[in-house]
Amino acid sequence: MLKIYHNPRCRKSREGLAIVEASGEEFEIVKYLDNPPSYLELAAILGKLNLKPIELVRKNEAVWKEQFKNRELSDKEIIQAMVDHPKLIERPVVVKNNEAVVGRPPENINELFK
């Protein structure tokens, strides 16, 4: 089953959700700002994305600039920062079985339906 980590206030996330809805597949919406992923869940998602933790961080968020920018952080510390501040997680993220994509641009999500 598909799972979309979604922020309803984000236009790109809403566009990504529309693509998931149009797929006709069953899916689960995770409003990750209200229900953040655990450290282990986020680490597993990063593995499916095949990304380094820093590549999933929204670096223009105020909390990143104020607390983390220009600091030497380990991958574990970056994952923990995203768990503690889920606003830092790039969105939307769509997971299907052992694959995942970041929906930026939203059309990336179509890769999961090939």
Protein backbone atom coordinates (compact mmCIF):
# COMPACT_ATOMS: atom_id res chain seq x y z
CA MET A 1 0.00 0.00 0.00
CA LEU A 2 1.05 3.57 -0.65
CA LYS A 3 1.77 6.03 2.09
CA ILE A 4 2.08 9.77 1.52
CA TYR A 5 3.71 12.01 4.10
CA HIS A 6 1.61 15.08 3.50
CA ASN A 7 1.30 18.69 4.62
CA PRO A 8 -2.12 20.00 3.55
CA ARG A 9 -0.88 23.59 3.73
CA CYS A 10 1.77 22.96 1.05
CA ARG A 11 0.79 23.37 -2.61
CA LYS A 12 3.33 20.80 -3.86
CA SER A 13 2.12 18.32 -1.26
CA ARG A 14 -1.50 18.85 -2.36
CA GLU A 15 -0.46 18.36 -5.99
CA GLY A 16 1.34 15.16 -4.98
CA LEU A 17 -1.74 13.92 -3.14
CA ALA A 18 -3.82 14.49 -6.29
CA ILE A 19 -1.41 12.26 -8.26
CA VAL A 20 -1.67 9.54 -5.60
CA GLU A 21 -5.48 9.81 -5.60
CA ALA A 22 -5.56 9.56 -9.40
CA SER A 23 -3.49 6.35 -9.32
CA GLY A 24 -6.51 4.39 -8.13
CA GLU A 25 -4.34 2.55 -5.59
CA GLU A 26 -5.16 2.34 -1.90
CA PHE A 27 -3.14 4.76 0.17
CA GLU A 28 -2.68 6.18 3.61
CA ILE A 29 -2.18 9.86 4.34
CA VAL A 30 0.26 10.69 7.11
CA LYS A 31 0.00 14.30 8.20
CA TYR A 32 3.57 14.22 9.40
CA LEU A 33 3.45 17.59 11.16
CA ASP A 34 0.73 16.21 13.44
CA ASN A 35 2.13 12.67 13.57
CA PRO A 36 5.91 12.83 12.96
CA PRO A 37 7.77 9.70 11.95
CA SER A 38 9.96 8.06 14.56
CA TYR A 39 13.73 8.06 14.18
CA LEU A 40 13.67 4.46 12.90
CA GLU A 41 10.79 5.15 10.52
CA LEU A 42 12.55 8.19 9.05
CA ALA A 43 15.82 6.27 8.72
CA ALA A 44 13.94 3.52 6.84
CA ILE A 45 12.32 6.09 4.54
CA LEU A 46 15.72 7.60 3.79
CA GLY A 47 16.97 4.12 2.86
CA LYS A 48 14.07 3.67 0.44
CA LEU A 49 14.71 7.13 -1.00
CA ASN A 50 18.42 6.32 -1.32
CA LEU A 51 19.19 9.79 0.04
CA LYS A 52 21.56 11.09 2.67
CA PRO A 53 19.64 12.72 5.54
CA ILE A 54 20.81 16.22 4.59
CA GLU A 55 19.20 15.76 1.16
CA LEU A 56 15.74 15.52 2.76
CA VAL A 57 16.11 18.68 4.85
CA ARG A 58 14.25 21.87 3.99
CA LYS A 59 17.21 24.18 4.49
CA ASN A 60 15.23 27.40 4.10
CA GLU A 61 13.12 26.74 7.19
CA ALA A 62 13.78 29.20 10.03
CA VAL A 63 14.46 26.42 12.53
CA TRP A 64 17.22 25.03 10.29
CA LYS A 65 18.81 28.44 9.80
CA GLU A 66 18.59 29.29 13.50
CA GLN A 67 19.63 26.00 15.07
CA PHE A 68 21.53 23.85 12.57
CA LYS A 69 22.97 25.82 9.65
CA ASN A 70 26.78 25.97 9.54
CA ARG A 71 27.09 23.19 12.14
CA GLU A 72 28.90 19.93 11.55
CA LEU A 73 26.14 17.36 12.06
CA SER A 74 26.29 13.59 11.75
CA ASP A 75 23.62 11.77 9.76
CA LYS A 76 22.11 10.62 13.06
CA GLU A 77 21.92 14.21 14.32
CA ILE A 78 20.27 15.36 11.09
CA ILE A 79 17.66 12.59 11.29
CA GLN A 80 16.99 13.49 14.92
CA ALA A 81 16.60 17.16 13.95
CA MET A 82 13.91 16.15 11.41
CA VAL A 83 12.17 13.98 14.02
CA ASP A 84 12.25 16.82 16.55
CA HIS A 85 11.26 19.44 13.95
CA PRO A 86 9.17 17.64 11.29
CA LYS A 87 8.76 20.93 9.42
CA LEU A 88 12.32 20.27 8.21
CA ILE A 89 11.25 17.20 6.21
CA GLU A 90 10.92 17.85 2.49
CA ARG A 91 7.43 17.12 1.24
CA PRO A 92 5.63 15.24 0.05
CA VAL A 93 7.31 11.87 0.46
CA VAL A 94 5.49 8.90 -1.05
CA VAL A 95 6.39 5.33 -0.09
CA LYS A 96 5.33 2.22 -1.96
CA ASN A 97 6.68 -1.07 -0.62
CA ASN A 98 10.47 -0.77 -0.79
CA GLU A 99 10.50 2.33 -2.97
CA ALA A 100 10.00 5.98 -2.14
CA VAL A 101 10.19 9.33 -3.89
CA VAL A 102 10.16 12.96 -2.90
CA GLY A 103 7.34 14.68 -4.78
CA ARG A 104 9.39 17.67 -5.84
CA PRO A 105 8.36 18.13 -8.52
CA PRO A 106 5.09 16.27 -7.88
CA GLU A 107 5.50 14.38 -11.17
CA ASN A 108 8.28 12.36 -9.50
CA ILE A 109 5.51 10.38 -7.81
CA ASN A 110 4.58 8.82 -11.15
CA GLU A 111 7.82 6.80 -10.95
CA LEU A 112 6.10 4.59 -8.35
CA PHE A 113 3.36 3.59 -10.81
CA LYS A 114 5.51 2.29 -13.66
